[in-house]
Amino acid sequence: MAEVKINGIKCGTLWTAPHRLDISKAIKKGKNEITIEVVNTWGNRLIGDSKLPENKRLTKTTAPFRLEGKPLNPAGLFGPVVLQLEEK
């Protein structure tokens, strides 16, 4: 999942294809600041926590044995990010 902000204005949250949203309410002529905040997967959170001391963990699960020794799953922003102009 990813939350998109343009110039500090929330434009939406994406989690399914086609991963597109309308940013016309926030975009302006000239320089713009684009912020994309991406969350990690639940599996990666559990795997990461399992490597921490118990008092530092943020999550609890009844099934940690399934994650032991597993590598982290690919996660993050897979680019490219493209701005498309739509003629109206």
Protein backbone atom coordinates (compact mmCIF):
# COMPACT_ATOMS: atom_id res chain seq x y z
CA MET A 1 0.00 0.00 0.00
CA ALA A 2 1.14 3.52 -0.70
CA GLU A 3 -0.22 6.91 0.28
CA VAL A 4 0.45 9.70 -2.21
CA LYS A 5 0.76 13.38 -1.30
CA ILE A 6 1.44 16.24 -3.68
CA ASN A 7 2.53 19.52 -2.10
CA GLY A 8 1.36 18.21 1.28
CA ILE A 9 -2.16 17.40 0.02
CA LYS A 10 -3.33 13.79 0.39
CA CYS A 11 -4.33 12.50 -3.03
CA GLY A 12 -5.18 8.92 -2.13
CA THR A 13 -4.01 5.50 -1.06
CA LEU A 14 -3.21 2.78 -3.59
CA TRP A 15 -3.13 -0.96 -3.00
CA THR A 16 -4.49 -2.59 -6.14
CA ALA A 17 -3.91 -2.29 -9.88
CA PRO A 18 -3.99 -0.13 -11.90
CA HIS A 19 -2.23 1.96 -9.20
CA ARG A 20 -3.41 5.30 -10.58
CA LEU A 21 -5.05 8.30 -9.01
CA ASP A 22 -6.15 11.80 -9.88
CA ILE A 23 -3.74 14.41 -8.49
CA SER A 24 -5.29 17.43 -10.23
CA LYS A 25 -6.49 18.94 -6.92
CA ALA A 26 -2.89 19.17 -5.67
CA ILE A 27 -0.58 19.64 -8.65
CA LYS A 28 0.46 23.15 -9.68
CA LYS A 29 2.50 24.74 -12.45
CA GLY A 30 6.21 24.77 -11.71
CA LYS A 31 7.93 22.82 -8.99
CA ASN A 32 5.90 20.23 -7.02
CA GLU A 33 6.79 18.04 -4.06
CA ILE A 34 5.67 14.43 -4.43
CA THR A 35 5.69 12.19 -1.35
CA ILE A 36 4.91 8.48 -1.59
CA GLU A 37 4.76 6.64 1.73
CA VAL A 38 4.95 2.87 1.27
CA VAL A 39 4.12 0.29 3.93
CA ASN A 40 5.91 -3.01 4.28
CA THR A 41 4.28 -6.45 4.15
CA TRP A 42 2.91 -8.10 7.28
CA GLY A 43 5.23 -11.06 6.73
CA ASN A 44 8.29 -8.77 6.64
CA ARG A 45 7.16 -7.05 9.83
CA LEU A 46 6.89 -10.41 11.59
CA ILE A 47 10.22 -11.66 10.20
CA GLY A 48 11.95 -8.43 11.26
CA ASP A 49 10.40 -8.53 14.73
CA SER A 50 11.42 -12.15 15.22
CA LYS A 51 15.06 -11.05 14.98
CA LEU A 52 14.66 -8.49 17.79
CA PRO A 53 14.77 -9.12 21.54
CA GLU A 54 11.26 -9.92 22.75
CA ASN A 55 10.93 -6.63 24.66
CA LYS A 56 11.65 -4.64 21.45
CA ARG A 57 9.12 -6.40 19.19
CA LEU A 58 6.09 -4.51 17.88
CA THR A 59 4.01 -7.50 16.80
CA LYS A 60 2.76 -10.74 18.33
CA THR A 61 1.67 -13.87 16.49
CA THR A 62 0.69 -17.43 17.30
CA ALA A 63 2.44 -18.72 14.17
CA PRO A 64 6.05 -17.48 14.28
CA PHE A 65 7.40 -20.96 13.53
CA ARG A 66 6.33 -20.62 9.87
CA LEU A 67 8.54 -17.54 9.45
CA GLU A 68 11.71 -18.74 11.13
CA GLY A 69 14.66 -18.64 8.74
CA LYS A 70 12.58 -17.14 5.92
CA PRO A 71 14.10 -14.28 3.89
CA LEU A 72 12.34 -10.94 3.65
CA ASN A 73 9.82 -10.67 0.81
CA PRO A 74 10.37 -8.08 -1.94
CA ALA A 75 8.68 -4.88 -0.79
CA GLY A 76 8.76 -1.17 -1.38
CA LEU A 77 8.15 1.10 -4.33
CA PHE A 78 8.78 -0.69 -7.59
CA GLY A 79 9.17 2.04 -10.20
CA PRO A 80 9.05 3.83 -12.31
CA VAL A 81 6.62 6.45 -11.02
CA VAL A 82 5.04 8.16 -14.04
CA LEU A 83 2.92 11.30 -14.22
CA GLN A 84 0.51 11.15 -17.15
CA LEU A 85 -1.35 14.13 -18.56
CA GLU A 86 -4.95 13.43 -19.42
CA GLU A 87 -6.62 15.66 -21.98
CA LYS A 88 -10.19 16.62 -21.11
